[in-house]
Amino acid sequence: MIESITKVGMISGTSGLDSMSSIFSAKNQAAEGVTPGMSTGETFLSALTDMATQASDNLKTAEQTSFDGLTGKANAREVVDAVMQAEQSLQTAIAFRDKIVNAYLEITKMQI
């Protein structure tokens, strides 16, 4: 049974964020320009990429810790902490996405 559970990690949706960050970095290299964030060395795109990568890493860590908890390699507190960290990262990413979508909808409503 544990063998089938470990195979679930291979098909989880968290691997999709890795490809997304590579797309962001490719676009960042293609569209270099002077922006307000350039004085600090960090662009908005790199901040988004870092956030997506960190959220993905938190989800992967929680998934691995959950599997370790099932096999007896991790105690319940470690599993709960990892899952709560992943949940917080996911809620932050969802809230950020909602703000971006709302801003886009407001822009599309503007008269030219």
C-alpha atoms as a PDB file:
ATOM      1  CA  MET A   1       0.000   0.000   0.000  1.00  0.00           C
ATOM      2  CA  ILE A   2       2.821   2.410   0.845  1.00  0.00           C
ATOM      3  CA  GLU A   3       4.366   1.752  -2.574  1.00  0.00           C
ATOM      4  CA  SER A   4       1.198   2.953  -4.302  1.00  0.00           C
ATOM      5  CA  ILE A   5       1.119   6.032  -2.062  1.00  0.00           C
ATOM      6  CA  THR A   6       4.683   6.975  -2.953  1.00  0.00           C
ATOM      7  CA  LYS A   7       3.800   6.788  -6.638  1.00  0.00           C
ATOM      8  CA  VAL A   8       1.177   9.495  -6.089  1.00  0.00           C
ATOM      9  CA  GLY A   9       3.985  12.019  -5.551  1.00  0.00           C
ATOM     10  CA  MET A  10       5.120  11.476  -9.118  1.00  0.00           C
ATOM     11  CA  ILE A  11       1.783  12.607 -10.548  1.00  0.00           C
ATOM     12  CA  SER A  12       1.112  15.521  -8.202  1.00  0.00           C
ATOM     13  CA  GLY A  13       0.350  18.927  -9.696  1.00  0.00           C
ATOM     14  CA  THR A  14       3.249  20.679  -7.971  1.00  0.00           C
ATOM     15  CA  SER A  15       5.683  19.909 -10.781  1.00  0.00           C
ATOM     16  CA  GLY A  16       3.813  22.326 -13.043  1.00  0.00           C
ATOM     17  CA  LEU A  17       5.145  25.325 -11.140  1.00  0.00           C
ATOM     18  CA  ASP A  18       8.714  24.398 -12.070  1.00  0.00           C
ATOM     19  CA  SER A  19       7.942  24.801 -15.756  1.00  0.00           C
ATOM     20  CA  MET A  20       6.154  28.066 -15.015  1.00  0.00           C
ATOM     21  CA  SER A  21       9.228  29.560 -13.352  1.00  0.00           C
ATOM     22  CA  SER A  22      11.359  28.621 -16.370  1.00  0.00           C
ATOM     23  CA  ILE A  23       8.892  30.429 -18.640  1.00  0.00           C
ATOM     24  CA  PHE A  24       9.085  33.503 -16.405  1.00  0.00           C
ATOM     25  CA  SER A  25      12.866  33.527 -16.436  1.00  0.00           C
ATOM     26  CA  ALA A  26      12.965  33.175 -20.245  1.00  0.00           C
ATOM     27  CA  LYS A  27      10.608  36.141 -20.638  1.00  0.00           C
ATOM     28  CA  ASN A  28      12.647  38.129 -18.128  1.00  0.00           C
ATOM     29  CA  GLN A  29      15.800  37.670 -20.208  1.00  0.00           C
ATOM     30  CA  ALA A  30      14.019  38.658 -23.417  1.00  0.00           C
ATOM     31  CA  ALA A  31      12.380  41.829 -22.093  1.00  0.00           C
ATOM     32  CA  GLU A  32      15.051  43.680 -20.176  1.00  0.00           C
ATOM     33  CA  GLY A  33      14.359  47.348 -19.592  1.00  0.00           C
ATOM     34  CA  VAL A  34      14.597  50.020 -16.990  1.00  0.00           C
ATOM     35  CA  THR A  35      11.928  49.636 -14.328  1.00  0.00           C
ATOM     36  CA  PRO A  36      11.598  51.064 -10.821  1.00  0.00           C
ATOM     37  CA  GLY A  37      12.663  47.694  -9.376  1.00  0.00           C
ATOM     38  CA  MET A  38      15.940  47.722 -11.258  1.00  0.00           C
ATOM     39  CA  SER A  39      17.610  49.981  -8.691  1.00  0.00           C
ATOM     40  CA  THR A  40      17.268  47.187  -6.114  1.00  0.00           C
ATOM     41  CA  GLY A  41      18.212  44.496  -8.601  1.00  0.00           C
ATOM     42  CA  GLU A  42      14.864  42.709  -8.376  1.00  0.00           C
ATOM     43  CA  THR A  43      12.104  43.022 -10.944  1.00  0.00           C
ATOM     44  CA  PHE A  44       8.419  42.324 -10.440  1.00  0.00           C
ATOM     45  CA  LEU A  45       8.792  39.242 -12.603  1.00  0.00           C
ATOM     46  CA  SER A  46      11.634  37.866 -10.516  1.00  0.00           C
ATOM     47  CA  ALA A  47       9.614  38.497  -7.348  1.00  0.00           C
ATOM     48  CA  LEU A  48       6.692  36.530  -8.820  1.00  0.00           C
ATOM     49  CA  THR A  49       9.039  33.758  -9.884  1.00  0.00           C
ATOM     50  CA  ASP A  50      10.575  33.569  -6.421  1.00  0.00           C
ATOM     51  CA  MET A  51       7.140  33.443  -4.816  1.00  0.00           C
ATOM     52  CA  ALA A  52       5.975  30.654  -7.146  1.00  0.00           C
ATOM     53  CA  THR A  53       9.162  28.689  -6.579  1.00  0.00           C
ATOM     54  CA  GLN A  54       8.920  29.042  -2.803  1.00  0.00           C
ATOM     55  CA  ALA A  55       5.263  27.974  -2.814  1.00  0.00           C
ATOM     56  CA  SER A  56       6.121  24.981  -4.967  1.00  0.00           C
ATOM     57  CA  ASP A  57       8.972  24.014  -2.639  1.00  0.00           C
ATOM     58  CA  ASN A  58       6.681  24.291   0.395  1.00  0.00           C
ATOM     59  CA  LEU A  59       4.090  22.050  -1.267  1.00  0.00           C
ATOM     60  CA  LYS A  60       6.726  19.478  -2.201  1.00  0.00           C
ATOM     61  CA  THR A  61       8.167  19.517   1.324  1.00  0.00           C
ATOM     62  CA  ALA A  62       4.715  19.037   2.837  1.00  0.00           C
ATOM     63  CA  GLU A  63       4.005  16.194   0.448  1.00  0.00           C
ATOM     64  CA  GLN A  64       7.279  14.456   1.289  1.00  0.00           C
ATOM     65  CA  THR A  65       6.783  14.994   5.027  1.00  0.00           C
ATOM     66  CA  SER A  66       3.268  13.552   4.761  1.00  0.00           C
ATOM     67  CA  PHE A  67       4.622  10.434   3.095  1.00  0.00           C
ATOM     68  CA  ASP A  68       7.347  10.237   5.749  1.00  0.00           C
ATOM     69  CA  GLY A  69       4.637  10.440   8.397  1.00  0.00           C
ATOM     70  CA  LEU A  70       2.757   7.555   6.785  1.00  0.00           C
ATOM     71  CA  THR A  71       5.870   5.412   6.754  1.00  0.00           C
ATOM     72  CA  GLY A  72       6.798   6.348  10.324  1.00  0.00           C
ATOM     73  CA  LYS A  73       9.867   8.438   9.470  1.00  0.00           C
ATOM     74  CA  ALA A  74       8.332  11.710  10.720  1.00  0.00           C
ATOM     75  CA  ASN A  75       6.232  12.446  13.766  1.00  0.00           C
ATOM     76  CA  ALA A  76       2.785  14.028  13.694  1.00  0.00           C
ATOM     77  CA  ARG A  77       4.024  17.481  14.692  1.00  0.00           C
ATOM     78  CA  GLU A  78       6.436  17.661  11.736  1.00  0.00           C
ATOM     79  CA  VAL A  79       3.673  16.605   9.364  1.00  0.00           C
ATOM     80  CA  VAL A  80       1.220  19.169  10.732  1.00  0.00           C
ATOM     81  CA  ASP A  81       3.820  21.961  10.605  1.00  0.00           C
ATOM     82  CA  ALA A  82       4.750  21.157   7.004  1.00  0.00           C
ATOM     83  CA  VAL A  83       1.126  20.921   5.876  1.00  0.00           C
ATOM     84  CA  MET A  84       0.205  24.199   7.593  1.00  0.00           C
ATOM     85  CA  GLN A  85       3.187  25.947   5.974  1.00  0.00           C
ATOM     86  CA  ALA A  86       2.100  24.614   2.574  1.00  0.00           C
ATOM     87  CA  GLU A  87      -1.481  25.707   3.189  1.00  0.00           C
ATOM     88  CA  GLN A  88      -0.353  29.218   4.090  1.00  0.00           C
ATOM     89  CA  SER A  89       1.803  29.418   0.952  1.00  0.00           C
ATOM     90  CA  LEU A  90      -1.067  28.205  -1.193  1.00  0.00           C
ATOM     91  CA  GLN A  91      -3.510  30.708   0.332  1.00  0.00           C
ATOM     92  CA  THR A  92      -1.016  33.526  -0.258  1.00  0.00           C
ATOM     93  CA  ALA A  93      -0.545  32.490  -3.881  1.00  0.00           C
ATOM     94  CA  ILE A  94      -4.310  32.288  -4.416  1.00  0.00           C
ATOM     95  CA  ALA A  95      -4.864  35.728  -2.860  1.00  0.00           C
ATOM     96  CA  PHE A  96      -2.112  37.197  -5.018  1.00  0.00           C
ATOM     97  CA  ARG A  97      -3.610  35.588  -8.138  1.00  0.00           C
ATOM     98  CA  ASP A  98      -7.034  37.011  -7.275  1.00  0.00           C
ATOM     99  CA  LYS A  99      -5.569  40.519  -6.952  1.00  0.00           C
ATOM    100  CA  ILE A 100      -3.849  40.196 -10.329  1.00  0.00           C
ATOM    101  CA  VAL A 101      -7.051  38.966 -11.988  1.00  0.00           C
ATOM    102  CA  ASN A 102      -9.061  41.815 -10.432  1.00  0.00           C
ATOM    103  CA  ALA A 103      -6.503  44.366 -11.620  1.00  0.00           C
ATOM    104  CA  TYR A 104      -6.627  42.892 -15.125  1.00  0.00           C
ATOM    105  CA  LEU A 105     -10.419  43.059 -15.171  1.00  0.00           C
ATOM    106  CA  GLU A 106     -10.323  46.692 -14.060  1.00  0.00           C
ATOM    107  CA  ILE A 107      -7.872  47.516 -16.840  1.00  0.00           C
ATOM    108  CA  THR A 108     -10.054  45.828 -19.455  1.00  0.00           C
ATOM    109  CA  LYS A 109     -13.043  47.904 -18.292  1.00  0.00           C
ATOM    110  CA  MET A 110     -11.202  51.194 -18.921  1.00  0.00           C
ATOM    111  CA  GLN A 111     -12.269  53.315 -21.834  1.00  0.00           C
ATOM    112  CA  ILE A 112      -9.608  54.102 -24.390  1.00  0.00           C
END
